[in-house]
PDB file of all heavy atoms in Angstrom:
ATOM      1  N   LEU A   1       5.579 -37.158  54.876  1.00  0.00           N
ATOM      2  CA  LEU A   1       4.360 -37.071  54.070  1.00  0.00           C
ATOM      3  C   LEU A   1       4.111 -35.640  53.621  1.00  0.00           C
ATOM      4  O   LEU A   1       3.751 -35.396  52.457  1.00  0.00           O
ATOM      5  CB  LEU A   1       3.177 -37.594  54.871  1.00  0.00           C
ATOM      6  CG  LEU A   1       1.783 -37.402  54.258  1.00  0.00           C
ATOM      7  CD1 LEU A   1       1.695 -38.073  52.895  1.00  0.00           C
ATOM      8  CD2 LEU A   1       0.704 -37.930  55.188  1.00  0.00           C
ATOM      9  N   ALA A   2       4.314 -34.677  54.515  1.00  0.00           N
ATOM     10  CA  ALA A   2       4.089 -33.276  54.159  1.00  0.00           C
ATOM     11  C   ALA A   2       5.013 -32.849  53.024  1.00  0.00           C
ATOM     12  O   ALA A   2       4.603 -32.117  52.114  1.00  0.00           O
ATOM     13  CB  ALA A   2       4.313 -32.398  55.385  1.00  0.00           C
ATOM     14  N   ALA A   3       6.259 -33.320  53.056  1.00  0.00           N
ATOM     15  CA  ALA A   3       7.199 -32.946  52.001  1.00  0.00           C
ATOM     16  C   ALA A   3       6.809 -33.543  50.656  1.00  0.00           C
ATOM     17  O   ALA A   3       7.128 -32.971  49.597  1.00  0.00           O
ATOM     18  CB  ALA A   3       8.606 -33.391  52.381  1.00  0.00           C
ATOM     19  N   ARG A   4       6.132 -34.683  50.663  1.00  0.00           N
ATOM     20  CA  ARG A   4       5.769 -35.336  49.401  1.00  0.00           C
ATOM     21  C   ARG A   4       4.532 -34.714  48.751  1.00  0.00           C
ATOM     22  O   ARG A   4       4.303 -34.915  47.553  1.00  0.00           O
ATOM     23  CB  ARG A   4       5.525 -36.827  49.643  1.00  0.00           C
ATOM     24  CG  ARG A   4       6.791 -37.643  49.751  1.00  0.00           C
ATOM     25  CD  ARG A   4       6.511 -39.134  49.675  1.00  0.00           C
ATOM     26  NE  ARG A   4       5.867 -39.638  50.868  1.00  0.00           N
ATOM     27  CZ  ARG A   4       6.505 -40.155  51.917  1.00  0.00           C
ATOM     28  NH1 ARG A   4       7.820 -40.208  51.923  1.00  0.00           N
ATOM     29  NH2 ARG A   4       5.842 -40.603  52.953  1.00  0.00           N
ATOM     30  N   ILE A   5       3.731 -33.980  49.507  1.00  0.00           N
ATOM     31  CA  ILE A   5       2.480 -33.447  48.961  1.00  0.00           C
ATOM     32  C   ILE A   5       2.720 -32.529  47.762  1.00  0.00           C
ATOM     33  O   ILE A   5       2.101 -32.706  46.707  1.00  0.00           O
ATOM     34  CB  ILE A   5       1.676 -32.736  50.066  1.00  0.00           C
ATOM     35  CG1 ILE A   5       1.145 -33.771  51.062  1.00  0.00           C
ATOM     36  CG2 ILE A   5       0.519 -31.931  49.464  1.00  0.00           C
ATOM     37  CD1 ILE A   5       0.423 -33.159  52.246  1.00  0.00           C
ATOM     38  N   PRO A   6       3.599 -31.500  47.846  1.00  0.00           N
ATOM     39  CA  PRO A   6       3.771 -30.644  46.663  1.00  0.00           C
ATOM     40  C   PRO A   6       4.332 -31.383  45.461  1.00  0.00           C
ATOM     41  O   PRO A   6       4.043 -31.027  44.316  1.00  0.00           O
ATOM     42  CB  PRO A   6       4.739 -29.556  47.163  1.00  0.00           C
ATOM     43  CG  PRO A   6       5.429 -30.153  48.328  1.00  0.00           C
ATOM     44  CD  PRO A   6       4.427 -31.049  48.972  1.00  0.00           C
ATOM     45  N   PHE A   7       5.098 -32.430  45.688  1.00  0.00           N
ATOM     46  CA  PHE A   7       5.673 -33.166  44.570  1.00  0.00           C
ATOM     47  C   PHE A   7       4.635 -34.088  43.926  1.00  0.00           C
ATOM     48  O   PHE A   7       4.673 -34.322  42.717  1.00  0.00           O
ATOM     49  CB  PHE A   7       6.896 -33.944  45.046  1.00  0.00           C
ATOM     50  CG  PHE A   7       8.037 -33.051  45.424  1.00  0.00           C
ATOM     51  CD1 PHE A   7       8.126 -32.530  46.709  1.00  0.00           C
ATOM     52  CD2 PHE A   7       8.994 -32.697  44.499  1.00  0.00           C
ATOM     53  CE1 PHE A   7       9.166 -31.680  47.063  1.00  0.00           C
ATOM     54  CE2 PHE A   7      10.037 -31.851  44.837  1.00  0.00           C
ATOM     55  CZ  PHE A   7      10.123 -31.333  46.124  1.00  0.00           C
ATOM     56  N   ALA A   8       3.701 -34.615  44.740  1.00  0.00           N
ATOM     57  CA  ALA A   8       2.591 -35.367  44.156  1.00  0.00           C
ATOM     58  C   ALA A   8       1.711 -34.444  43.323  1.00  0.00           C
ATOM     59  O   ALA A   8       1.236 -34.816  42.238  1.00  0.00           O
ATOM     60  CB  ALA A   8       1.777 -36.042  45.258  1.00  0.00           C
ATOM     61  N   LEU A   9       1.486 -33.231  43.808  1.00  0.00           N
ATOM     62  CA  LEU A   9       0.721 -32.250  43.036  1.00  0.00           C
ATOM     63  C   LEU A   9       1.466 -31.873  41.754  1.00  0.00           C
ATOM     64  O   LEU A   9       0.836 -31.653  40.710  1.00  0.00           O
ATOM     65  CB  LEU A   9       0.461 -31.003  43.884  1.00  0.00           C
ATOM     66  CG  LEU A   9      -0.433 -31.195  45.112  1.00  0.00           C
ATOM     67  CD1 LEU A   9      -0.521 -29.900  45.921  1.00  0.00           C
ATOM     68  CD2 LEU A   9      -1.836 -31.647  44.695  1.00  0.00           C
ATOM     69  N   ALA A  10       2.791 -31.803  41.835  1.00  0.00           N
ATOM     70  CA  ALA A  10       3.578 -31.494  40.633  1.00  0.00           C
ATOM     71  C   ALA A  10       3.438 -32.597  39.594  1.00  0.00           C
ATOM     72  O   ALA A  10       3.308 -32.317  38.392  1.00  0.00           O
ATOM     73  CB  ALA A  10       5.044 -31.290  41.004  1.00  0.00           C
ATOM     74  N   LEU A  11       3.455 -33.852  40.027  1.00  0.00           N
ATOM     75  CA  LEU A  11       3.278 -34.965  39.086  1.00  0.00           C
ATOM     76  C   LEU A  11       1.895 -34.910  38.451  1.00  0.00           C
ATOM     77  O   LEU A  11       1.756 -35.112  37.228  1.00  0.00           O
ATOM     78  CB  LEU A  11       3.487 -36.292  39.814  1.00  0.00           C
ATOM     79  CG  LEU A  11       3.295 -37.562  38.970  1.00  0.00           C
ATOM     80  CD1 LEU A  11       4.237 -37.558  37.772  1.00  0.00           C
ATOM     81  CD2 LEU A  11       3.504 -38.810  39.813  1.00  0.00           C
ATOM     82  N   ALA A  12       0.876 -34.637  39.251  1.00  0.00           N
ATOM     83  CA  ALA A  12      -0.467 -34.491  38.685  1.00  0.00           C
ATOM     84  C   ALA A  12      -0.510 -33.324  37.698  1.00  0.00           C
ATOM     85  O   ALA A  12      -1.174 -33.397  36.652  1.00  0.00           O
ATOM     86  CB  ALA A  12      -1.482 -34.276  39.810  1.00  0.00           C
ATOM     87  N   GLY A  13       0.208 -32.245  38.019  1.00  0.00           N
ATOM     88  CA  GLY A  13       0.265 -31.111  37.094  1.00  0.00           C
ATOM     89  C   GLY A  13       0.929 -31.458  35.783  1.00  0.00           C
ATOM     90  O   GLY A  13       0.510 -30.991  34.713  1.00  0.00           O
ATOM     91  N   VAL A  14       1.972 -32.273  35.833  1.00  0.00           N
ATOM     92  CA  VAL A  14       2.648 -32.704  34.597  1.00  0.00           C
ATOM     93  C   VAL A  14       1.674 -33.488  33.717  1.00  0.00           C
ATOM     94  O   VAL A  14       1.611 -33.282  32.489  1.00  0.00           O
ATOM     95  CB  VAL A  14       3.885 -33.546  34.938  1.00  0.00           C
ATOM     96  CG1 VAL A  14       4.453 -34.202  33.687  1.00  0.00           C
ATOM     97  CG2 VAL A  14       4.942 -32.687  35.599  1.00  0.00           C
ATOM     98  N   LEU A  15       0.897 -34.394  34.321  1.00  0.00           N
ATOM     99  CA  LEU A  15      -0.080 -35.168  33.549  1.00  0.00           C
ATOM    100  C   LEU A  15      -1.116 -34.250  32.913  1.00  0.00           C
ATOM    101  O   LEU A  15      -1.470 -34.412  31.735  1.00  0.00           O
ATOM    102  CB  LEU A  15      -0.756 -36.197  34.461  1.00  0.00           C
ATOM    103  CG  LEU A  15       0.144 -37.249  35.117  1.00  0.00           C
ATOM    104  CD1 LEU A  15      -0.671 -38.182  35.990  1.00  0.00           C
ATOM    105  CD2 LEU A  15       0.922 -38.038  34.080  1.00  0.00           C
ATOM    106  N   ALA A  16      -1.612 -33.278  33.684  1.00  0.00           N
ATOM    107  CA  ALA A  16      -2.627 -32.364  33.160  1.00  0.00           C
ATOM    108  C   ALA A  16      -2.060 -31.480  32.053  1.00  0.00           C
ATOM    109  O   ALA A  16      -2.707 -31.264  31.013  1.00  0.00           O
ATOM    110  CB  ALA A  16      -3.182 -31.503  34.293  1.00  0.00           C
ATOM    111  N   LEU A  17      -0.858 -30.955  32.240  1.00  0.00           N
ATOM    112  CA  LEU A  17      -0.252 -30.094  31.225  1.00  0.00           C
ATOM    113  C   LEU A  17       0.003 -30.854  29.926  1.00  0.00           C
ATOM    114  O   LEU A  17      -0.174 -30.298  28.830  1.00  0.00           O
ATOM    115  CB  LEU A  17       1.050 -29.514  31.760  1.00  0.00           C
ATOM    116  CG  LEU A  17       0.911 -28.439  32.852  1.00  0.00           C
ATOM    117  CD1 LEU A  17       2.251 -28.161  33.499  1.00  0.00           C
ATOM    118  CD2 LEU A  17       0.316 -27.157  32.277  1.00  0.00           C
ATOM    119  N   THR A  18       0.402 -32.114  30.029  1.00  0.00           N
ATOM    120  CA  THR A  18       0.610 -32.921  28.830  1.00  0.00           C
ATOM    121  C   THR A  18      -0.704 -33.126  28.089  1.00  0.00           C
ATOM    122  O   THR A  18      -0.756 -33.058  26.849  1.00  0.00           O
ATOM    123  CB  THR A  18       1.230 -34.273  29.207  1.00  0.00           C
ATOM    124  OG1 THR A  18       2.455 -34.044  29.906  1.00  0.00           O
ATOM    125  CG2 THR A  18       1.513 -35.111  27.969  1.00  0.00           C
ATOM    126  N   TRP A  19      -1.775 -33.381  28.835  1.00  0.00           N
ATOM    127  CA  TRP A  19      -3.098 -33.574  28.208  1.00  0.00           C
ATOM    128  C   TRP A  19      -3.513 -32.311  27.457  1.00  0.00           C
ATOM    129  O   TRP A  19      -3.915 -32.374  26.281  1.00  0.00           O
ATOM    130  CB  TRP A  19      -4.136 -33.923  29.273  1.00  0.00           C
ATOM    131  CG  TRP A  19      -5.435 -34.422  28.719  1.00  0.00           C
ATOM    132  CD1 TRP A  19      -5.800 -35.716  28.531  1.00  0.00           C
ATOM    133  CD2 TRP A  19      -6.542 -33.624  28.262  1.00  0.00           C
ATOM    134  NE1 TRP A  19      -7.064 -35.786  27.995  1.00  0.00           N
ATOM    135  CE2 TRP A  19      -7.549 -34.510  27.814  1.00  0.00           C
ATOM    136  CE3 TRP A  19      -6.786 -32.259  28.187  1.00  0.00           C
ATOM    137  CZ2 TRP A  19      -8.765 -34.077  27.313  1.00  0.00           C
ATOM    138  CZ3 TRP A  19      -7.994 -31.816  27.676  1.00  0.00           C
ATOM    139  CH2 TRP A  19      -8.968 -32.721  27.246  1.00  0.00           C
ATOM    140  N   TYR A  20      -3.426 -31.164  28.114  1.00  0.00           N
ATOM    141  CA  TYR A  20      -3.889 -29.921  27.481  1.00  0.00           C
ATOM    142  C   TYR A  20      -2.972 -29.491  26.343  1.00  0.00           C
ATOM    143  O   TYR A  20      -3.442 -28.921  25.347  1.00  0.00           O
ATOM    144  CB  TYR A  20      -4.000 -28.813  28.531  1.00  0.00           C
ATOM    145  CG  TYR A  20      -5.259 -28.912  29.354  1.00  0.00           C
ATOM    146  CD1 TYR A  20      -5.225 -29.389  30.654  1.00  0.00           C
ATOM    147  CD2 TYR A  20      -6.496 -28.547  28.826  1.00  0.00           C
ATOM    148  CE1 TYR A  20      -6.384 -29.497  31.412  1.00  0.00           C
ATOM    149  CE2 TYR A  20      -7.658 -28.647  29.570  1.00  0.00           C
ATOM    150  CZ  TYR A  20      -7.603 -29.124  30.858  1.00  0.00           C
ATOM    151  OH  TYR A  20      -8.755 -29.238  31.597  1.00  0.00           O
ATOM    152  N   ALA A  21      -1.667 -29.741  26.472  1.00  0.00           N
ATOM    153  CA  ALA A  21      -0.766 -29.407  25.367  1.00  0.00           C
ATOM    154  C   ALA A  21      -1.114 -30.208  24.122  1.00  0.00           C
ATOM    155  O   ALA A  21      -1.172 -29.663  23.007  1.00  0.00           O
ATOM    156  CB  ALA A  21       0.682 -29.673  25.790  1.00  0.00           C
ATOM    157  N   THR A  22      -1.367 -31.487  24.292  1.00  0.00           N
ATOM    158  CA  THR A  22      -1.736 -32.325  23.150  1.00  0.00           C
ATOM    159  C   THR A  22      -3.082 -31.894  22.579  1.00  0.00           C
ATOM    160  O   THR A  22      -3.267 -31.872  21.349  1.00  0.00           O
ATOM    161  CB  THR A  22      -1.804 -33.799  23.573  1.00  0.00           C
ATOM    162  OG1 THR A  22      -0.618 -34.144  24.266  1.00  0.00           O
ATOM    163  CG2 THR A  22      -1.969 -34.703  22.363  1.00  0.00           C
ATOM    164  N   TYR A  23      -4.005 -31.555  23.443  1.00  0.00           N
ATOM    165  CA  TYR A  23      -5.336 -31.125  22.980  1.00  0.00           C
ATOM    166  C   TYR A  23      -5.213 -29.900  22.073  1.00  0.00           C
ATOM    167  O   TYR A  23      -5.814 -29.852  20.990  1.00  0.00           O
ATOM    168  CB  TYR A  23      -6.216 -30.808  24.187  1.00  0.00           C
ATOM    169  CG  TYR A  23      -7.590 -30.301  23.816  1.00  0.00           C
ATOM    170  CD1 TYR A  23      -8.626 -31.188  23.533  1.00  0.00           C
ATOM    171  CD2 TYR A  23      -7.855 -28.937  23.733  1.00  0.00           C
ATOM    172  CE1 TYR A  23      -9.889 -30.727  23.182  1.00  0.00           C
ATOM    173  CE2 TYR A  23      -9.102 -28.463  23.388  1.00  0.00           C
ATOM    174  CZ  TYR A  23     -10.119 -29.358  23.110  1.00  0.00           C
ATOM    175  OH  TYR A  23     -11.366 -28.895  22.757  1.00  0.00           O
ATOM    176  N   HIS A  24      -4.431 -28.914  22.484  1.00  0.00           N
ATOM    177  CA  HIS A  24      -4.313 -27.691  21.681  1.00  0.00           C
ATOM    178  C   HIS A  24      -3.533 -27.939  20.397  1.00  0.00           C
ATOM    179  O   HIS A  24      -3.871 -27.366  19.345  1.00  0.00           O
ATOM    180  CB  HIS A  24      -3.650 -26.593  22.508  1.00  0.00           C
ATOM    181  CG  HIS A  24      -4.511 -26.078  23.621  1.00  0.00           C
ATOM    182  ND1 HIS A  24      -5.764 -25.545  23.413  1.00  0.00           N
ATOM    183  CD2 HIS A  24      -4.311 -26.036  24.974  1.00  0.00           C
ATOM    184  CE1 HIS A  24      -6.292 -25.172  24.564  1.00  0.00           C
ATOM    185  NE2 HIS A  24      -5.439 -25.472  25.529  1.00  0.00           N
ATOM    186  N   LEU A  25      -2.508 -28.774  20.453  1.00  0.00           N
ATOM    187  CA  LEU A  25      -1.764 -29.065  19.227  1.00  0.00           C
ATOM    188  C   LEU A  25      -2.615 -29.856  18.232  1.00  0.00           C
ATOM    189  O   LEU A  25      -2.565 -29.604  17.029  1.00  0.00           O
ATOM    190  CB  LEU A  25      -0.493 -29.844  19.570  1.00  0.00           C
ATOM    191  CG  LEU A  25       0.595 -29.060  20.294  1.00  0.00           C
ATOM    192  CD1 LEU A  25       1.743 -29.977  20.683  1.00  0.00           C
ATOM    193  CD2 LEU A  25       1.109 -27.908  19.441  1.00  0.00           C
ATOM    194  N   ALA A  26      -3.376 -30.820  18.734  1.00  0.00           N
ATOM    195  CA  ALA A  26      -4.222 -31.618  17.844  1.00  0.00           C
ATOM    196  C   ALA A  26      -5.404 -30.822  17.315  1.00  0.00           C
ATOM    197  O   ALA A  26      -6.033 -31.228  16.323  1.00  0.00           O
ATOM    198  CB  ALA A  26      -4.721 -32.865  18.578  1.00  0.00           C
ATOM    199  N   HIS A  27      -5.720 -29.705  17.960  1.00  0.00           N
ATOM    200  CA  HIS A  27      -6.857 -28.884  17.531  1.00  0.00           C
ATOM    201  C   HIS A  27      -6.459 -27.885  16.450  1.00  0.00           C
ATOM    202  O   HIS A  27      -7.316 -27.216  15.879  1.00  0.00           O
ATOM    203  CB  HIS A  27      -7.439 -28.146  18.735  1.00  0.00           C
ATOM    204  CG  HIS A  27      -8.898 -27.825  18.601  1.00  0.00           C
ATOM    205  ND1 HIS A  27      -9.356 -26.755  17.882  1.00  0.00           N
ATOM    206  CD2 HIS A  27      -9.997 -28.449  19.090  1.00  0.00           C
ATOM    207  CE1 HIS A  27     -10.680 -26.709  17.940  1.00  0.00           C
ATOM    208  NE2 HIS A  27     -11.095 -27.731  18.661  1.00  0.00           N
ATOM    209  N   THR A  28      -5.161 -27.769  16.146  1.00  0.00           N
ATOM    210  CA  THR A  28      -4.758 -26.873  15.074  1.00  0.00           C
ATOM    211  C   THR A  28      -5.213 -27.434  13.725  1.00  0.00           C
ATOM    212  O   THR A  28      -5.400 -28.647  13.567  1.00  0.00           O
ATOM    213  CB  THR A  28      -3.232 -26.694  15.066  1.00  0.00           C
ATOM    214  OG1 THR A  28      -2.614 -27.977  14.908  1.00  0.00           O
ATOM    215  CG2 THR A  28      -2.750 -26.063  16.367  1.00  0.00           C
ATOM    216  N   GLU A  29      -5.370 -26.543  12.762  1.00  0.00           N
ATOM    217  CA  GLU A  29      -5.911 -26.957  11.463  1.00  0.00           C
ATOM    218  C   GLU A  29      -5.014 -27.957  10.756  1.00  0.00           C
ATOM    219  O   GLU A  29      -5.484 -28.918  10.137  1.00  0.00           O
ATOM    220  CB  GLU A  29      -6.116 -25.724  10.594  1.00  0.00           C
ATOM    221  CG  GLU A  29      -6.787 -26.026   9.262  1.00  0.00           C
ATOM    222  CD  GLU A  29      -7.097 -24.760   8.482  1.00  0.00           C
ATOM    223  OE1 GLU A  29      -6.940 -23.666   9.039  1.00  0.00           O
ATOM    224  OE2 GLU A  29      -7.487 -24.879   7.304  1.00  0.00           O
ATOM    225  N   ALA A  30      -3.690 -27.786  10.880  1.00  0.00           N
ATOM    226  CA  ALA A  30      -2.764 -28.670  10.179  1.00  0.00           C
ATOM    227  C   ALA A  30      -2.774 -30.078  10.753  1.00  0.00           C
ATOM    228  O   ALA A  30      -2.442 -31.038  10.050  1.00  0.00           O
ATOM    229  CB  ALA A  30      -1.355 -28.102  10.246  1.00  0.00           C
ATOM    230  N   ALA A  31      -3.141 -30.224  12.025  1.00  0.00           N
ATOM    231  CA  ALA A  31      -3.113 -31.538  12.665  1.00  0.00           C
ATOM    232  C   ALA A  31      -4.407 -32.311  12.482  1.00  0.00           C
ATOM    233  O   ALA A  31      -4.464 -33.497  12.812  1.00  0.00           O
ATOM    234  CB  ALA A  31      -2.833 -31.383  14.158  1.00  0.00           C
ATOM    235  N   ARG A  32      -5.429 -31.667  11.996  1.00  0.00           N
ATOM    236  CA  ARG A  32      -6.732 -32.330  11.877  1.00  0.00           C
ATOM    237  C   ARG A  32      -6.702 -33.416  10.803  1.00  0.00           C
ATOM    238  O   ARG A  32      -5.963 -33.321   9.821  1.00  0.00           O
ATOM    239  CB  ARG A  32      -7.813 -31.311  11.549  1.00  0.00           C
ATOM    240  CG  ARG A  32      -8.060 -30.307  12.656  1.00  0.00           C
ATOM    241  CD  ARG A  32      -9.061 -29.261  12.232  1.00  0.00           C
ATOM    242  NE  ARG A  32      -9.218 -28.246  13.268  1.00  0.00           N
ATOM    243  CZ  ARG A  32      -9.939 -27.140  13.120  1.00  0.00           C
ATOM    244  NH1 ARG A  32     -10.552 -26.909  11.970  1.00  0.00           N
ATOM    245  NH2 ARG A  32     -10.038 -26.281  14.109  1.00  0.00           N
ATOM    246  N   PRO A  33      -7.523 -34.447  10.955  1.00  0.00           N
ATOM    247  CA  PRO A  33      -7.567 -35.506   9.938  1.00  0.00           C
ATOM    248  C   PRO A  33      -8.202 -35.016   8.645  1.00  0.00           C
ATOM    249  O   PRO A  33      -8.942 -34.025   8.626  1.00  0.00           O
ATOM    250  CB  PRO A  33      -8.413 -36.591  10.613  1.00  0.00           C
ATOM    251  CG  PRO A  33      -9.251 -35.865  11.605  1.00  0.00           C
ATOM    252  CD  PRO A  33      -8.421 -34.718  12.094  1.00  0.00           C
ATOM    253  N   LEU A  34      -7.898 -35.700   7.571  1.00  0.00           N
ATOM    254  CA  LEU A  34      -8.442 -35.340   6.267  1.00  0.00           C
ATOM    255  C   LEU A  34      -9.946 -35.602   6.209  1.00  0.00           C
ATOM    256  O   LEU A  34     -10.449 -36.554   6.820  1.00  0.00           O
ATOM    257  CB  LEU A  34      -7.751 -36.155   5.175  1.00  0.00           C
ATOM    258  CG  LEU A  34      -6.268 -35.847   4.923  1.00  0.00           C
ATOM    259  CD1 LEU A  34      -5.695 -36.842   3.934  1.00  0.00           C
ATOM    260  CD2 LEU A  34      -6.098 -34.428   4.421  1.00  0.00           C
ATOM    261  N   PRO A  35     -10.680 -34.794   5.478  1.00  0.00           N
ATOM    262  CA  PRO A  35     -12.119 -35.081   5.304  1.00  0.00           C
ATOM    263  C   PRO A  35     -12.312 -36.330   4.454  1.00  0.00           C
ATOM    264  O   PRO A  35     -11.544 -36.594   3.520  1.00  0.00           O
ATOM    265  CB  PRO A  35     -12.635 -33.825   4.604  1.00  0.00           C
ATOM    266  CG  PRO A  35     -11.434 -33.212   3.952  1.00  0.00           C
ATOM    267  CD  PRO A  35     -10.269 -33.538   4.832  1.00  0.00           C
ATOM    268  N   LEU A  36     -13.315 -37.102   4.783  1.00  0.00           N
ATOM    269  CA  LEU A  36     -13.607 -38.330   4.055  1.00  0.00           C
ATOM    270  C   LEU A  36     -14.509 -38.045   2.871  1.00  0.00           C
ATOM    271  O   LEU A  36     -15.284 -37.084   2.861  1.00  0.00           O
ATOM    272  CB  LEU A  36     -14.251 -39.348   4.998  1.00  0.00           C
ATOM    273  CG  LEU A  36     -13.423 -39.708   6.244  1.00  0.00           C
ATOM    274  CD1 LEU A  36     -14.172 -40.713   7.107  1.00  0.00           C
ATOM    275  CD2 LEU A  36     -12.060 -40.254   5.843  1.00  0.00           C
ATOM    276  N   ALA A  37     -14.416 -38.892   1.861  1.00  0.00           N
ATOM    277  CA  ALA A  37     -15.156 -38.662   0.613  1.00  0.00           C
ATOM    278  C   ALA A  37     -16.661 -38.634   0.843  1.00  0.00           C
ATOM    279  O   ALA A  37     -17.386 -37.852   0.219  1.00  0.00           O
ATOM    280  CB  ALA A  37     -14.787 -39.738  -0.408  1.00  0.00           C
ATOM    281  N   PHE A  38     -17.156 -39.498   1.732  1.00  0.00           N
ATOM    282  CA  PHE A  38     -18.593 -39.581   1.976  1.00  0.00           C
ATOM    283  C   PHE A  38     -18.980 -39.043   3.356  1.00  0.00           C
ATOM    284  O   PHE A  38     -20.029 -39.373   3.901  1.00  0.00           O
ATOM    285  CB  PHE A  38     -19.066 -41.038   1.843  1.00  0.00           C
ATOM    286  CG  PHE A  38     -18.827 -41.601   0.475  1.00  0.00           C
ATOM    287  CD1 PHE A  38     -17.728 -42.409   0.216  1.00  0.00           C
ATOM    288  CD2 PHE A  38     -19.683 -41.299  -0.579  1.00  0.00           C
ATOM    289  CE1 PHE A  38     -17.490 -42.916  -1.042  1.00  0.00           C
ATOM    290  CE2 PHE A  38     -19.450 -41.812  -1.843  1.00  0.00           C
ATOM    291  CZ  PHE A  38     -18.354 -42.621  -2.090  1.00  0.00           C
ATOM    292  N   GLY A  39     -18.114 -38.216   3.927  1.00  0.00           N
ATOM    293  CA  GLY A  39     -18.415 -37.624   5.222  1.00  0.00           C
ATOM    294  C   GLY A  39     -18.132 -38.596   6.355  1.00  0.00           C
ATOM    295  O   GLY A  39     -17.618 -39.698   6.172  1.00  0.00           O
ATOM    296  N   GLY A  40     -18.460 -38.162   7.550  1.00  0.00           N
ATOM    297  CA  GLY A  40     -18.270 -38.986   8.737  1.00  0.00           C
ATOM    298  C   GLY A  40     -16.914 -38.854   9.377  1.00  0.00           C
ATOM    299  O   GLY A  40     -16.560 -39.642  10.258  1.00  0.00           O
ATOM    300  N   GLU A  41     -16.111 -37.846   8.917  1.00  0.00           N
ATOM    301  CA  GLU A  41     -14.804 -37.663   9.538  1.00  0.00           C
ATOM    302  C   GLU A  41     -14.964 -37.125  10.963  1.00  0.00           C
ATOM    303  O   GLU A  41     -16.002 -36.595  11.342  1.00  0.00           O
ATOM    304  CB  GLU A  41     -13.934 -36.712   8.726  1.00  0.00           C
ATOM    305  CG  GLU A  41     -14.443 -35.286   8.656  1.00  0.00           C
ATOM    306  CD  GLU A  41     -15.430 -35.076   7.521  1.00  0.00           C
ATOM    307  OE1 GLU A  41     -15.764 -36.080   6.839  1.00  0.00           O
ATOM    308  OE2 GLU A  41     -15.857 -33.925   7.305  1.00  0.00           O
ATOM    309  N   ALA A  42     -13.918 -37.274  11.738  1.00  0.00           N
ATOM    310  CA  ALA A  42     -13.968 -36.879  13.140  1.00  0.00           C
ATOM    311  C   ALA A  42     -14.102 -35.369  13.288  1.00  0.00           C
ATOM    312  O   ALA A  42     -13.507 -34.596  12.538  1.00  0.00           O
ATOM    313  CB  ALA A  42     -12.699 -37.357  13.843  1.00  0.00           C
ATOM    314  N   GLN A  43     -14.905 -34.963  14.251  1.00  0.00           N
ATOM    315  CA  GLN A  43     -15.021 -33.545  14.568  1.00  0.00           C
ATOM    316  C   GLN A  43     -13.743 -33.072  15.260  1.00  0.00           C
ATOM    317  O   GLN A  43     -13.146 -33.800  16.051  1.00  0.00           O
ATOM    318  CB  GLN A  43     -16.228 -33.307  15.466  1.00  0.00           C
ATOM    319  CG  GLN A  43     -17.552 -33.631  14.811  1.00  0.00           C
ATOM    320  CD  GLN A  43     -17.800 -32.774  13.574  1.00  0.00           C
ATOM    321  OE1 GLN A  43     -17.617 -31.548  13.605  1.00  0.00           O
ATOM    322  NE2 GLN A  43     -18.184 -33.425  12.475  1.00  0.00           N
ATOM    323  N   PRO A  44     -13.288 -31.848  14.969  1.00  0.00           N
ATOM    324  CA  PRO A  44     -12.002 -31.389  15.510  1.00  0.00           C
ATOM    325  C   PRO A  44     -11.908 -31.466  17.033  1.00  0.00           C
ATOM    326  O   PRO A  44     -10.887 -31.886  17.575  1.00  0.00           O
ATOM    327  CB  PRO A  44     -11.918 -29.939  15.017  1.00  0.00           C
ATOM    328  CG  PRO A  44     -12.754 -29.909  13.782  1.00  0.00           C
ATOM    329  CD  PRO A  44     -13.872 -30.872  14.029  1.00  0.00           C
TER     330      PRO A  44
END
């Protein structure tokens, strides 16, 4: 069990890093959705 603890933390770290990597890439200006003609587009 002790040997598995750092590897479970590593798996959790992979999930977190993937989330934050996608967040920053999707927050770039080129990745943002197009503005809608009558407004209401998603906030970045």
